Amino acid sequence: MNLLESMMTPCTLLNKSTVNDGVFGRKDTYTPGAAFMATITKDSTMEARTAEKQGITEVYTVVTAKGFGLVYHDVFRRDSDNAIFRVTSNQADSEAPDASTVKIGKVAAERWELPV
């Protein structure tokens, strides 16, 4: 097991579905989907800290196995503490090249709250 793998934690992709709310509207619901392993690290750059002070959500880098395929606006849960994250980039844009021995992809994500 390499260092990156030892930092990974279990996560669950949340599948979004839209249902009628019974009052002529719609409501988004999220149900557990695919399980995966990811390393989730908070962005601690000066720009990120400044943005947080201005009310922008916390920004994270999420590293998963290459080809898992997280895409913009996917929502997932870190199983250890039930923290919810929403993906803000596409994994296909930041995957290791095929020649690499490290088979990873990464995305940016923000801490997020599920709609009530």
C-alpha atoms as a PDB file:
ATOM      1  CA  MET A   1       0.000   0.000   0.000  1.00  0.00           C
ATOM      2  CA  ASN A   2       1.424   3.379  -0.970  1.00  0.00           C
ATOM      3  CA  LEU A   3       1.045   6.638   0.959  1.00  0.00           C
ATOM      4  CA  LEU A   4      -1.826   7.874  -1.213  1.00  0.00           C
ATOM      5  CA  GLU A   5      -3.816   4.675  -0.725  1.00  0.00           C
ATOM      6  CA  SER A   6      -3.274   4.802   3.038  1.00  0.00           C
ATOM      7  CA  MET A   7      -4.853   8.288   3.121  1.00  0.00           C
ATOM      8  CA  MET A   8      -8.018   7.189   1.298  1.00  0.00           C
ATOM      9  CA  THR A   9     -11.305   6.972   3.134  1.00  0.00           C
ATOM     10  CA  PRO A  10     -14.596   5.294   2.159  1.00  0.00           C
ATOM     11  CA  CYS A  11     -17.121   7.529   0.399  1.00  0.00           C
ATOM     12  CA  THR A  12     -20.552   7.056  -1.159  1.00  0.00           C
ATOM     13  CA  LEU A  13     -21.784   8.707  -4.335  1.00  0.00           C
ATOM     14  CA  LEU A  14     -25.280  10.146  -3.864  1.00  0.00           C
ATOM     15  CA  ASN A  15     -27.754   9.724  -6.706  1.00  0.00           C
ATOM     16  CA  LYS A  16     -30.063  12.670  -7.324  1.00  0.00           C
ATOM     17  CA  SER A  17     -33.691  12.207  -8.267  1.00  0.00           C
ATOM     18  CA  THR A  18     -36.498  14.722  -8.567  1.00  0.00           C
ATOM     19  CA  VAL A  19     -39.936  13.933  -7.178  1.00  0.00           C
ATOM     20  CA  ASN A  20     -43.217  15.824  -6.920  1.00  0.00           C
ATOM     21  CA  ASP A  21     -43.554  17.573  -3.568  1.00  0.00           C
ATOM     22  CA  GLY A  22     -47.348  17.170  -3.497  1.00  0.00           C
ATOM     23  CA  VAL A  23     -47.958  20.922  -3.787  1.00  0.00           C
ATOM     24  CA  PHE A  24     -47.439  21.416  -7.539  1.00  0.00           C
ATOM     25  CA  GLY A  25     -43.660  21.635  -7.146  1.00  0.00           C
ATOM     26  CA  ARG A  26     -40.628  19.411  -7.306  1.00  0.00           C
ATOM     27  CA  LYS A  27     -38.087  18.336  -4.731  1.00  0.00           C
ATOM     28  CA  ASP A  28     -34.611  16.880  -5.186  1.00  0.00           C
ATOM     29  CA  THR A  29     -33.803  13.785  -3.143  1.00  0.00           C
ATOM     30  CA  TYR A  30     -30.486  11.978  -2.782  1.00  0.00           C
ATOM     31  CA  THR A  31     -30.051   8.245  -2.262  1.00  0.00           C
ATOM     32  CA  PRO A  32     -26.842   6.257  -1.665  1.00  0.00           C
ATOM     33  CA  GLY A  33     -25.151   4.955  -4.790  1.00  0.00           C
ATOM     34  CA  ALA A  34     -21.703   3.599  -5.639  1.00  0.00           C
ATOM     35  CA  ALA A  35     -19.092   3.232  -2.910  1.00  0.00           C
ATOM     36  CA  PHE A  36     -15.568   4.442  -3.631  1.00  0.00           C
ATOM     37  CA  MET A  37     -12.326   5.386  -1.910  1.00  0.00           C
ATOM     38  CA  ALA A  38     -10.986   8.945  -1.980  1.00  0.00           C
ATOM     39  CA  THR A  39      -8.406  11.207  -0.412  1.00  0.00           C
ATOM     40  CA  ILE A  40     -10.043  14.507   0.542  1.00  0.00           C
ATOM     41  CA  THR A  41      -7.818  17.454   1.447  1.00  0.00           C
ATOM     42  CA  LYS A  42      -8.848  20.995   2.250  1.00  0.00           C
ATOM     43  CA  ASP A  43      -7.385  23.735   0.072  1.00  0.00           C
ATOM     44  CA  SER A  44      -5.355  25.910   2.436  1.00  0.00           C
ATOM     45  CA  THR A  45      -3.939  28.372  -0.082  1.00  0.00           C
ATOM     46  CA  MET A  46      -4.144  32.061   0.695  1.00  0.00           C
ATOM     47  CA  GLU A  47      -6.746  32.504  -2.055  1.00  0.00           C
ATOM     48  CA  ALA A  48      -8.964  29.791  -0.554  1.00  0.00           C
ATOM     49  CA  ARG A  49      -8.691  31.225   2.955  1.00  0.00           C
ATOM     50  CA  THR A  50      -9.512  34.713   1.681  1.00  0.00           C
ATOM     51  CA  ALA A  51     -12.542  33.363  -0.198  1.00  0.00           C
ATOM     52  CA  GLU A  52     -13.773  31.547   2.923  1.00  0.00           C
ATOM     53  CA  LYS A  53     -13.623  34.789   4.903  1.00  0.00           C
ATOM     54  CA  GLN A  54     -15.759  36.394   2.195  1.00  0.00           C
ATOM     55  CA  GLY A  55     -18.413  33.707   2.621  1.00  0.00           C
ATOM     56  CA  ILE A  56     -17.404  31.280  -0.140  1.00  0.00           C
ATOM     57  CA  THR A  57     -17.683  27.603   0.811  1.00  0.00           C
ATOM     58  CA  GLU A  58     -14.686  25.525   1.837  1.00  0.00           C
ATOM     59  CA  VAL A  59     -12.746  24.169  -1.163  1.00  0.00           C
ATOM     60  CA  TYR A  60     -11.250  20.654  -1.304  1.00  0.00           C
ATOM     61  CA  THR A  61      -9.175  18.488  -3.631  1.00  0.00           C
ATOM     62  CA  VAL A  62     -10.516  14.960  -4.019  1.00  0.00           C
ATOM     63  CA  VAL A  63      -8.305  12.177  -5.404  1.00  0.00           C
ATOM     64  CA  THR A  64      -9.863   8.890  -6.555  1.00  0.00           C
ATOM     65  CA  ALA A  65      -8.937   5.941  -8.726  1.00  0.00           C
ATOM     66  CA  LYS A  66      -8.420   6.836 -12.365  1.00  0.00           C
ATOM     67  CA  GLY A  67     -11.566   6.296 -14.392  1.00  0.00           C
ATOM     68  CA  PHE A  68     -14.013   6.487 -11.484  1.00  0.00           C
ATOM     69  CA  GLY A  69     -15.463   9.432 -13.365  1.00  0.00           C
ATOM     70  CA  LEU A  70     -16.610  12.100 -10.929  1.00  0.00           C
ATOM     71  CA  VAL A  71     -18.189  14.928 -12.908  1.00  0.00           C
ATOM     72  CA  TYR A  72     -19.336  18.478 -12.279  1.00  0.00           C
ATOM     73  CA  HIS A  73     -22.119  18.639  -9.660  1.00  0.00           C
ATOM     74  CA  ASP A  74     -21.810  15.014  -8.512  1.00  0.00           C
ATOM     75  CA  VAL A  75     -22.583  14.854  -4.797  1.00  0.00           C
ATOM     76  CA  PHE A  76     -20.926  12.408  -2.404  1.00  0.00           C
ATOM     77  CA  ARG A  77     -20.653  11.655   1.296  1.00  0.00           C
ATOM     78  CA  ARG A  78     -17.487  10.933   3.294  1.00  0.00           C
ATOM     79  CA  ASP A  79     -18.661   7.929   5.306  1.00  0.00           C
ATOM     80  CA  SER A  80     -16.497   8.547   8.390  1.00  0.00           C
ATOM     81  CA  ASP A  81     -18.293  11.774   9.388  1.00  0.00           C
ATOM     82  CA  ASN A  82     -21.175  12.047   6.863  1.00  0.00           C
ATOM     83  CA  ALA A  83     -19.715  15.274   5.434  1.00  0.00           C
ATOM     84  CA  ILE A  84     -21.295  16.135   2.072  1.00  0.00           C
ATOM     85  CA  PHE A  85     -19.300  17.454  -0.903  1.00  0.00           C
ATOM     86  CA  ARG A  86     -20.314  18.690  -4.355  1.00  0.00           C
ATOM     87  CA  VAL A  87     -17.853  18.284  -7.230  1.00  0.00           C
ATOM     88  CA  THR A  88     -16.931  21.520  -9.032  1.00  0.00           C
ATOM     89  CA  SER A  89     -14.766  20.131 -11.867  1.00  0.00           C
ATOM     90  CA  ASN A  90     -14.510  17.034 -14.068  1.00  0.00           C
ATOM     91  CA  GLN A  91     -12.181  14.168 -13.208  1.00  0.00           C
ATOM     92  CA  ALA A  92     -11.438  13.466 -16.871  1.00  0.00           C
ATOM     93  CA  ASP A  93      -9.689  16.855 -17.031  1.00  0.00           C
ATOM     94  CA  SER A  94      -7.161  15.912 -14.322  1.00  0.00           C
ATOM     95  CA  GLU A  95      -6.286  12.246 -14.625  1.00  0.00           C
ATOM     96  CA  ALA A  96      -2.806  10.775 -14.606  1.00  0.00           C
ATOM     97  CA  PRO A  97      -1.537   9.858 -18.086  1.00  0.00           C
ATOM     98  CA  ASP A  98      -1.790   6.220 -19.158  1.00  0.00           C
ATOM     99  CA  ALA A  99       1.989   5.811 -18.834  1.00  0.00           C
ATOM    100  CA  SER A 100       1.894   6.769 -15.148  1.00  0.00           C
ATOM    101  CA  THR A 101       2.283   4.077 -12.504  1.00  0.00           C
ATOM    102  CA  VAL A 102      -0.067   6.039 -10.229  1.00  0.00           C
ATOM    103  CA  LYS A 103      -3.594   5.536 -11.553  1.00  0.00           C
ATOM    104  CA  ILE A 104      -5.441   8.515 -10.075  1.00  0.00           C
ATOM    105  CA  GLY A 105      -7.726  11.329 -11.048  1.00  0.00           C
ATOM    106  CA  LYS A 106      -8.620  14.433  -9.101  1.00  0.00           C
ATOM    107  CA  VAL A 107     -11.432  16.934  -8.860  1.00  0.00           C
ATOM    108  CA  ALA A 108     -12.166  20.106  -6.980  1.00  0.00           C
ATOM    109  CA  ALA A 109     -15.096  20.006  -4.576  1.00  0.00           C
ATOM    110  CA  GLU A 110     -16.873  22.228  -2.104  1.00  0.00           C
ATOM    111  CA  ARG A 111     -18.388  21.434   1.269  1.00  0.00           C
ATOM    112  CA  TRP A 112     -22.113  21.333   0.674  1.00  0.00           C
ATOM    113  CA  GLU A 113     -25.460  20.898   2.429  1.00  0.00           C
ATOM    114  CA  LEU A 114     -28.154  18.649   1.010  1.00  0.00           C
ATOM    115  CA  PRO A 115     -31.334  20.560   0.178  1.00  0.00           C
ATOM    116  CA  VAL A 116     -34.111  20.046   2.711  1.00  0.00           C
END
